[in-house]
Amino acid sequence: MTEFAPHFSSWFPLLSPEHQKRVQQDIKVHQYPPGAMIVRKGESSDHWIGVVEGLIRISVGNADGKVAALIGIPSGGWVGEGSLLKKEQRKYDIITLRTSTIAKMPVHTFEWLLDNSIPFNRYLLHLLNERVGHFVGKAEHDRLLNADARIARCLAELCNSRLYPGISNRMEITQEELGYLARVSRQRANQALKKLEADGLLSVEYGAICVQDLAGLENFGN
């Protein structure tokens, strides 16, 4: 376990010094290997989850072993606030796609900030609003778009600076990871990336993708 590094969280500088001190005392940071289960569906909601570094996926499964990835959360993203606000059990699994550094804010600290910090409440309102739009868009393109467009939109989602303020246009993500999030094979993801690269929307590096035209990715397939 390591100390909390607040620089990766856009909401932390908004807090008063008193609130910052409380957060730094209460948040715990852990290292997880690839494929580790951070949160299991059905568990109690005890923490707000932040990705200091790495990549995680939010997914659901059924008794037959079928798994559907809902979203990926890169460095700088936080997830799980809905379950904390509703005081309900987790409705999804949170699993690392690669070695990841994860911050956990206890629910009592989360609720204390809600009771005492107007800036934190304002941040959460913006976050929840952005999250709703994110899921509405994802539901639409998962049903209507082909594999090329799903890969394009998945990359655009991961570059959403309003949800993931620590992200840059150069993402360290493998084709296998991207394919998993977009629900296509690694081979099909490779084909889609070649198409998007030929269209000048991105460039592919070893273990990374550089987005050159974010608006183009967001509108690809329209």
C-alpha atoms as a PDB file:
ATOM      1  CA  MET A   1       0.000   0.000   0.000  1.00  0.00           C
ATOM      2  CA  THR A   2       1.285   3.472  -0.938  1.00  0.00           C
ATOM      3  CA  GLU A   3       0.381   7.048  -0.061  1.00  0.00           C
ATOM      4  CA  PHE A   4      -2.380   8.922  -1.892  1.00  0.00           C
ATOM      5  CA  ALA A   5      -1.025  11.185  -4.647  1.00  0.00           C
ATOM      6  CA  PRO A   6      -3.701  13.905  -4.992  1.00  0.00           C
ATOM      7  CA  HIS A   7      -2.326  15.467  -8.180  1.00  0.00           C
ATOM      8  CA  PHE A   8      -4.194  12.985 -10.390  1.00  0.00           C
ATOM      9  CA  SER A   9      -7.656  13.976  -9.072  1.00  0.00           C
ATOM     10  CA  SER A  10      -9.286  17.106 -10.486  1.00  0.00           C
ATOM     11  CA  TRP A  11     -11.627  17.412  -7.499  1.00  0.00           C
ATOM     12  CA  PHE A  12      -8.917  17.439  -4.819  1.00  0.00           C
ATOM     13  CA  PRO A  13      -7.676  21.031  -5.439  1.00  0.00           C
ATOM     14  CA  LEU A  14     -11.272  22.245  -5.100  1.00  0.00           C
ATOM     15  CA  LEU A  15     -11.381  21.209  -1.444  1.00  0.00           C
ATOM     16  CA  SER A  16     -10.503  23.410   1.493  1.00  0.00           C
ATOM     17  CA  PRO A  17      -7.211  22.646   3.307  1.00  0.00           C
ATOM     18  CA  GLU A  18      -9.183  21.028   6.133  1.00  0.00           C
ATOM     19  CA  HIS A  19     -11.006  18.741   3.744  1.00  0.00           C
ATOM     20  CA  GLN A  20      -7.843  17.920   1.835  1.00  0.00           C
ATOM     21  CA  LYS A  21      -6.158  16.859   5.059  1.00  0.00           C
ATOM     22  CA  ARG A  22      -9.052  14.557   5.963  1.00  0.00           C
ATOM     23  CA  VAL A  23      -9.042  12.982   2.500  1.00  0.00           C
ATOM     24  CA  GLN A  24      -5.285  12.345   2.574  1.00  0.00           C
ATOM     25  CA  GLN A  25      -5.619  10.702   5.990  1.00  0.00           C
ATOM     26  CA  ASP A  26      -8.487   8.430   4.977  1.00  0.00           C
ATOM     27  CA  ILE A  27      -7.775   7.353   1.377  1.00  0.00           C
ATOM     28  CA  LYS A  28      -5.786   4.158   0.952  1.00  0.00           C
ATOM     29  CA  VAL A  29      -3.871   3.286  -2.216  1.00  0.00           C
ATOM     30  CA  HIS A  30      -3.214  -0.271  -3.386  1.00  0.00           C
ATOM     31  CA  GLN A  31      -1.367  -1.947  -6.241  1.00  0.00           C
ATOM     32  CA  TYR A  32      -3.210  -4.633  -8.242  1.00  0.00           C
ATOM     33  CA  PRO A  33      -1.830  -7.027 -10.875  1.00  0.00           C
ATOM     34  CA  PRO A  34      -3.552  -7.546 -14.253  1.00  0.00           C
ATOM     35  CA  GLY A  35      -6.874  -9.384 -14.009  1.00  0.00           C
ATOM     36  CA  ALA A  36      -7.349  -8.639 -10.310  1.00  0.00           C
ATOM     37  CA  MET A  37     -10.862  -8.296  -8.914  1.00  0.00           C
ATOM     38  CA  ILE A  38     -11.102  -4.939  -7.137  1.00  0.00           C
ATOM     39  CA  VAL A  39     -14.843  -5.054  -6.525  1.00  0.00           C
ATOM     40  CA  ARG A  40     -17.200  -7.996  -7.005  1.00  0.00           C
ATOM     41  CA  LYS A  41     -20.846  -7.720  -7.975  1.00  0.00           C
ATOM     42  CA  GLY A  42     -23.077  -8.085  -4.899  1.00  0.00           C
ATOM     43  CA  GLU A  43     -20.519  -6.754  -2.422  1.00  0.00           C
ATOM     44  CA  SER A  44     -21.395  -3.874  -0.124  1.00  0.00           C
ATOM     45  CA  SER A  45     -20.450  -0.400  -1.339  1.00  0.00           C
ATOM     46  CA  ASP A  46     -17.733   0.647   1.088  1.00  0.00           C
ATOM     47  CA  HIS A  47     -15.454   2.841  -1.057  1.00  0.00           C
ATOM     48  CA  TRP A  48     -15.278   5.321  -3.902  1.00  0.00           C
ATOM     49  CA  ILE A  49     -12.775   3.910  -6.403  1.00  0.00           C
ATOM     50  CA  GLY A  50     -10.152   5.992  -8.232  1.00  0.00           C
ATOM     51  CA  VAL A  51      -7.571   4.956 -10.825  1.00  0.00           C
ATOM     52  CA  VAL A  52      -4.262   6.608  -9.942  1.00  0.00           C
ATOM     53  CA  GLU A  53      -2.506   4.767 -12.743  1.00  0.00           C
ATOM     54  CA  GLY A  54      -3.553   1.909 -15.003  1.00  0.00           C
ATOM     55  CA  LEU A  55      -6.770   0.748 -16.647  1.00  0.00           C
ATOM     56  CA  ILE A  56      -9.805  -1.024 -15.205  1.00  0.00           C
ATOM     57  CA  ARG A  57     -13.015  -2.344 -16.687  1.00  0.00           C
ATOM     58  CA  ILE A  58     -16.541  -2.275 -15.325  1.00  0.00           C
ATOM     59  CA  SER A  59     -18.381  -5.425 -16.360  1.00  0.00           C
ATOM     60  CA  VAL A  60     -21.369  -7.632 -15.623  1.00  0.00           C
ATOM     61  CA  GLY A  61     -21.854 -11.350 -16.054  1.00  0.00           C
ATOM     62  CA  ASN A  62     -24.455 -14.065 -15.693  1.00  0.00           C
ATOM     63  CA  ALA A  63     -24.619 -17.605 -14.354  1.00  0.00           C
ATOM     64  CA  ASP A  64     -23.661 -19.012 -17.771  1.00  0.00           C
ATOM     65  CA  GLY A  65     -20.292 -17.270 -17.624  1.00  0.00           C
ATOM     66  CA  LYS A  66     -21.075 -14.613 -20.220  1.00  0.00           C
ATOM     67  CA  VAL A  67     -19.373 -11.298 -19.470  1.00  0.00           C
ATOM     68  CA  ALA A  68     -20.153  -7.883 -20.947  1.00  0.00           C
ATOM     69  CA  ALA A  69     -17.759  -4.971 -20.501  1.00  0.00           C
ATOM     70  CA  LEU A  70     -19.673  -1.765 -19.767  1.00  0.00           C
ATOM     71  CA  ILE A  71     -16.903   0.847 -19.710  1.00  0.00           C
ATOM     72  CA  GLY A  72     -13.182   1.228 -19.226  1.00  0.00           C
ATOM     73  CA  ILE A  73     -11.786   3.653 -16.655  1.00  0.00           C
ATOM     74  CA  PRO A  74      -8.257   4.996 -17.345  1.00  0.00           C
ATOM     75  CA  SER A  75      -5.934   6.980 -15.071  1.00  0.00           C
ATOM     76  CA  GLY A  76      -7.646   9.938 -13.418  1.00  0.00           C
ATOM     77  CA  GLY A  77     -11.107   8.375 -13.402  1.00  0.00           C
ATOM     78  CA  TRP A  78     -13.320   7.639 -10.415  1.00  0.00           C
ATOM     79  CA  VAL A  79     -16.224   5.198 -10.275  1.00  0.00           C
ATOM     80  CA  GLY A  80     -18.788   3.821  -7.853  1.00  0.00           C
ATOM     81  CA  GLU A  81     -20.361   7.036  -6.589  1.00  0.00           C
ATOM     82  CA  GLY A  82     -23.850   5.902  -7.653  1.00  0.00           C
ATOM     83  CA  SER A  83     -23.790   2.845  -5.405  1.00  0.00           C
ATOM     84  CA  LEU A  84     -22.543   4.945  -2.492  1.00  0.00           C
ATOM     85  CA  LEU A  85     -25.257   7.559  -2.965  1.00  0.00           C
ATOM     86  CA  LYS A  86     -27.994   4.906  -3.172  1.00  0.00           C
ATOM     87  CA  LYS A  87     -26.444   2.819  -0.373  1.00  0.00           C
ATOM     88  CA  GLU A  88     -26.825  -0.325  -2.434  1.00  0.00           C
ATOM     89  CA  GLN A  89     -24.730  -3.376  -3.214  1.00  0.00           C
ATOM     90  CA  ARG A  90     -22.423  -3.245  -6.220  1.00  0.00           C
ATOM     91  CA  LYS A  91     -24.177  -4.140  -9.460  1.00  0.00           C
ATOM     92  CA  TYR A  92     -20.981  -4.862 -11.415  1.00  0.00           C
ATOM     93  CA  ASP A  93     -17.448  -6.203 -11.182  1.00  0.00           C
ATOM     94  CA  ILE A  94     -14.418  -3.912 -11.300  1.00  0.00           C
ATOM     95  CA  ILE A  95     -11.350  -5.698 -12.701  1.00  0.00           C
ATOM     96  CA  THR A  96      -7.902  -4.484 -13.703  1.00  0.00           C
ATOM     97  CA  LEU A  97      -6.910  -4.858 -17.342  1.00  0.00           C
ATOM     98  CA  ARG A  98      -3.261  -4.215 -16.487  1.00  0.00           C
ATOM     99  CA  THR A  99      -1.150  -3.513 -13.394  1.00  0.00           C
ATOM    100  CA  SER A 100      -2.987  -0.631 -11.727  1.00  0.00           C
ATOM    101  CA  THR A 101      -2.679   1.703  -8.758  1.00  0.00           C
ATOM    102  CA  ILE A 102      -6.085   2.133  -7.138  1.00  0.00           C
ATOM    103  CA  ALA A 103      -7.230   4.681  -4.547  1.00  0.00           C
ATOM    104  CA  LYS A 104     -10.117   3.857  -2.213  1.00  0.00           C
ATOM    105  CA  MET A 105     -12.011   6.554  -0.340  1.00  0.00           C
ATOM    106  CA  PRO A 106     -14.073   5.094   2.547  1.00  0.00           C
ATOM    107  CA  VAL A 107     -17.812   5.685   2.325  1.00  0.00           C
ATOM    108  CA  HIS A 108     -17.793   7.652   5.598  1.00  0.00           C
ATOM    109  CA  THR A 109     -15.274  10.116   4.124  1.00  0.00           C
ATOM    110  CA  PHE A 110     -17.295  10.357   0.911  1.00  0.00           C
ATOM    111  CA  GLU A 111     -20.457  11.149   2.898  1.00  0.00           C
ATOM    112  CA  TRP A 112     -18.584  13.624   5.104  1.00  0.00           C
ATOM    113  CA  LEU A 113     -17.486  15.537   2.007  1.00  0.00           C
ATOM    114  CA  LEU A 114     -21.074  15.539   0.758  1.00  0.00           C
ATOM    115  CA  ASP A 115     -22.188  17.052   4.050  1.00  0.00           C
ATOM    116  CA  ASN A 116     -19.418  19.639   4.283  1.00  0.00           C
ATOM    117  CA  SER A 117     -18.021  20.567   0.859  1.00  0.00           C
ATOM    118  CA  ILE A 118     -20.048  22.527  -1.702  1.00  0.00           C
ATOM    119  CA  PRO A 119     -17.247  22.250  -4.320  1.00  0.00           C
ATOM    120  CA  PHE A 120     -17.234  18.460  -3.945  1.00  0.00           C
ATOM    121  CA  ASN A 121     -21.006  18.336  -4.406  1.00  0.00           C
ATOM    122  CA  ARG A 122     -20.739  20.516  -7.507  1.00  0.00           C
ATOM    123  CA  TYR A 123     -18.031  18.233  -8.893  1.00  0.00           C
ATOM    124  CA  LEU A 124     -20.219  15.166  -8.343  1.00  0.00           C
ATOM    125  CA  LEU A 125     -23.176  16.801 -10.103  1.00  0.00           C
ATOM    126  CA  HIS A 126     -21.040  17.452 -13.169  1.00  0.00           C
ATOM    127  CA  LEU A 127     -19.587  13.934 -12.986  1.00  0.00           C
ATOM    128  CA  LEU A 128     -22.994  12.253 -12.763  1.00  0.00           C
ATOM    129  CA  ASN A 129     -24.367  14.373 -15.604  1.00  0.00           C
ATOM    130  CA  GLU A 130     -21.405  13.439 -17.789  1.00  0.00           C
ATOM    131  CA  ARG A 131     -21.755   9.787 -16.807  1.00  0.00           C
ATOM    132  CA  VAL A 132     -25.423   9.705 -17.881  1.00  0.00           C
ATOM    133  CA  GLY A 133     -24.554  11.171 -21.278  1.00  0.00           C
ATOM    134  CA  HIS A 134     -21.705   8.689 -21.597  1.00  0.00           C
ATOM    135  CA  PHE A 135     -23.946   5.673 -21.011  1.00  0.00           C
ATOM    136  CA  VAL A 136     -26.718   6.951 -23.285  1.00  0.00           C
ATOM    137  CA  GLY A 137     -24.208   7.379 -26.105  1.00  0.00           C
ATOM    138  CA  LYS A 138     -22.643   3.983 -25.455  1.00  0.00           C
ATOM    139  CA  ALA A 139     -26.028   2.231 -25.488  1.00  0.00           C
ATOM    140  CA  GLU A 140     -26.745   3.852 -28.838  1.00  0.00           C
ATOM    141  CA  HIS A 141     -23.491   3.026 -30.597  1.00  0.00           C
ATOM    142  CA  ASP A 142     -23.290  -0.530 -29.218  1.00  0.00           C
ATOM    143  CA  ARG A 143     -26.589  -1.263 -30.973  1.00  0.00           C
ATOM    144  CA  LEU A 144     -26.210   0.726 -34.176  1.00  0.00           C
ATOM    145  CA  LEU A 145     -22.530   0.948 -35.138  1.00  0.00           C
ATOM    146  CA  ASN A 146     -20.145  -1.494 -36.791  1.00  0.00           C
ATOM    147  CA  ALA A 147     -16.841  -2.624 -35.295  1.00  0.00           C
ATOM    148  CA  ASP A 148     -14.794   0.213 -36.821  1.00  0.00           C
ATOM    149  CA  ALA A 149     -17.125   2.817 -35.366  1.00  0.00           C
ATOM    150  CA  ARG A 150     -17.284   1.077 -31.983  1.00  0.00           C
ATOM    151  CA  ILE A 151     -13.488   1.174 -31.735  1.00  0.00           C
ATOM    152  CA  ALA A 152     -13.527   4.872 -32.699  1.00  0.00           C
ATOM    153  CA  ARG A 153     -16.160   5.730 -30.112  1.00  0.00           C
ATOM    154  CA  CYS A 154     -14.438   3.657 -27.428  1.00  0.00           C
ATOM    155  CA  LEU A 155     -11.227   5.648 -27.943  1.00  0.00           C
ATOM    156  CA  ALA A 156     -13.194   8.903 -27.846  1.00  0.00           C
ATOM    157  CA  GLU A 157     -14.803   7.828 -24.560  1.00  0.00           C
ATOM    158  CA  LEU A 158     -11.423   7.096 -23.001  1.00  0.00           C
ATOM    159  CA  CYS A 159     -10.258  10.590 -24.059  1.00  0.00           C
ATOM    160  CA  ASN A 160     -13.165  12.293 -22.271  1.00  0.00           C
ATOM    161  CA  SER A 161     -11.299  14.838 -20.137  1.00  0.00           C
ATOM    162  CA  ARG A 162     -14.481  15.679 -18.207  1.00  0.00           C
ATOM    163  CA  LEU A 163     -14.677  12.128 -16.900  1.00  0.00           C
ATOM    164  CA  TYR A 164     -10.947  11.366 -16.900  1.00  0.00           C
ATOM    165  CA  PRO A 165      -9.036  14.622 -16.359  1.00  0.00           C
ATOM    166  CA  GLY A 166      -5.674  12.878 -16.177  1.00  0.00           C
ATOM    167  CA  ILE A 167      -5.934  11.431 -19.682  1.00  0.00           C
ATOM    168  CA  SER A 168      -3.944  12.709 -22.651  1.00  0.00           C
ATOM    169  CA  ASN A 169      -4.293  12.161 -26.398  1.00  0.00           C
ATOM    170  CA  ARG A 170      -1.610   9.489 -26.143  1.00  0.00           C
ATOM    171  CA  MET A 171      -3.096   6.449 -24.461  1.00  0.00           C
ATOM    172  CA  GLU A 172      -1.069   3.457 -23.395  1.00  0.00           C
ATOM    173  CA  ILE A 173      -3.553   0.773 -24.350  1.00  0.00           C
ATOM    174  CA  THR A 174      -3.070  -2.508 -26.190  1.00  0.00           C
ATOM    175  CA  GLN A 175      -5.214  -3.701 -29.066  1.00  0.00           C
ATOM    176  CA  GLU A 176      -6.365  -6.594 -26.886  1.00  0.00           C
ATOM    177  CA  GLU A 177      -7.520  -4.199 -24.139  1.00  0.00           C
ATOM    178  CA  LEU A 178      -9.255  -1.947 -26.644  1.00  0.00           C
ATOM    179  CA  GLY A 179     -10.948  -4.885 -28.323  1.00  0.00           C
ATOM    180  CA  TYR A 180     -12.223  -6.135 -24.999  1.00  0.00           C
ATOM    181  CA  LEU A 181     -13.762  -2.766 -24.139  1.00  0.00           C
ATOM    182  CA  ALA A 182     -15.357  -2.443 -27.594  1.00  0.00           C
ATOM    183  CA  ARG A 183     -16.469  -6.093 -27.621  1.00  0.00           C
ATOM    184  CA  VAL A 184     -14.478  -7.124 -30.681  1.00  0.00           C
ATOM    185  CA  SER A 185     -11.536  -9.489 -31.138  1.00  0.00           C
ATOM    186  CA  ARG A 186      -7.938  -8.255 -31.035  1.00  0.00           C
ATOM    187  CA  GLN A 187      -7.661  -9.019 -34.742  1.00  0.00           C
ATOM    188  CA  ARG A 188     -10.793  -6.993 -35.535  1.00  0.00           C
ATOM    189  CA  ALA A 189      -9.536  -4.139 -33.352  1.00  0.00           C
ATOM    190  CA  ASN A 190      -6.299  -4.174 -35.359  1.00  0.00           C
ATOM    191  CA  GLN A 191      -8.240  -3.868 -38.616  1.00  0.00           C
ATOM    192  CA  ALA A 192     -10.307  -0.998 -37.240  1.00  0.00           C
ATOM    193  CA  LEU A 193      -7.217   0.861 -36.040  1.00  0.00           C
ATOM    194  CA  LYS A 194      -5.616   0.552 -39.470  1.00  0.00           C
ATOM    195  CA  LYS A 195      -8.750   2.058 -41.016  1.00  0.00           C
ATOM    196  CA  LEU A 196      -8.857   4.916 -38.494  1.00  0.00           C
ATOM    197  CA  GLU A 197      -5.127   5.543 -38.953  1.00  0.00           C
ATOM    198  CA  ALA A 198      -5.540   5.672 -42.740  1.00  0.00           C
ATOM    199  CA  ASP A 199      -8.289   8.247 -42.230  1.00  0.00           C
ATOM    200  CA  GLY A 200      -5.890  10.420 -40.210  1.00  0.00           C
ATOM    201  CA  LEU A 201      -7.811  10.120 -36.943  1.00  0.00           C
ATOM    202  CA  LEU A 202      -5.037   8.450 -34.945  1.00  0.00           C
ATOM    203  CA  SER A 203      -1.594   6.898 -35.107  1.00  0.00           C
ATOM    204  CA  VAL A 204      -0.664   3.524 -33.678  1.00  0.00           C
ATOM    205  CA  GLU A 205       2.511   3.020 -31.677  1.00  0.00           C
ATOM    206  CA  TYR A 206       3.828  -0.028 -29.873  1.00  0.00           C
ATOM    207  CA  GLY A 207       1.548  -0.384 -26.846  1.00  0.00           C
ATOM    208  CA  ALA A 208      -0.071   3.018 -27.369  1.00  0.00           C
ATOM    209  CA  ILE A 209      -2.477   4.972 -29.555  1.00  0.00           C
ATOM    210  CA  CYS A 210      -2.152   8.696 -30.291  1.00  0.00           C
ATOM    211  CA  VAL A 211      -5.463  10.420 -31.014  1.00  0.00           C
ATOM    212  CA  GLN A 212      -5.043  13.103 -33.676  1.00  0.00           C
ATOM    213  CA  ASP A 213      -8.678  14.020 -34.350  1.00  0.00           C
ATOM    214  CA  LEU A 214     -10.912  13.532 -31.305  1.00  0.00           C
ATOM    215  CA  ALA A 215     -13.964  15.091 -32.962  1.00  0.00           C
ATOM    216  CA  GLY A 216     -13.483  12.764 -35.906  1.00  0.00           C
ATOM    217  CA  LEU A 217     -13.506   9.734 -33.615  1.00  0.00           C
ATOM    218  CA  GLU A 218     -16.577  11.011 -31.773  1.00  0.00           C
ATOM    219  CA  ASN A 219     -18.495  11.352 -35.048  1.00  0.00           C
ATOM    220  CA  PHE A 220     -17.096   8.369 -36.925  1.00  0.00           C
ATOM    221  CA  GLY A 221     -19.893   6.292 -38.419  1.00  0.00           C
ATOM    222  CA  ASN A 222     -22.514   9.067 -38.365  1.00  0.00           C
END
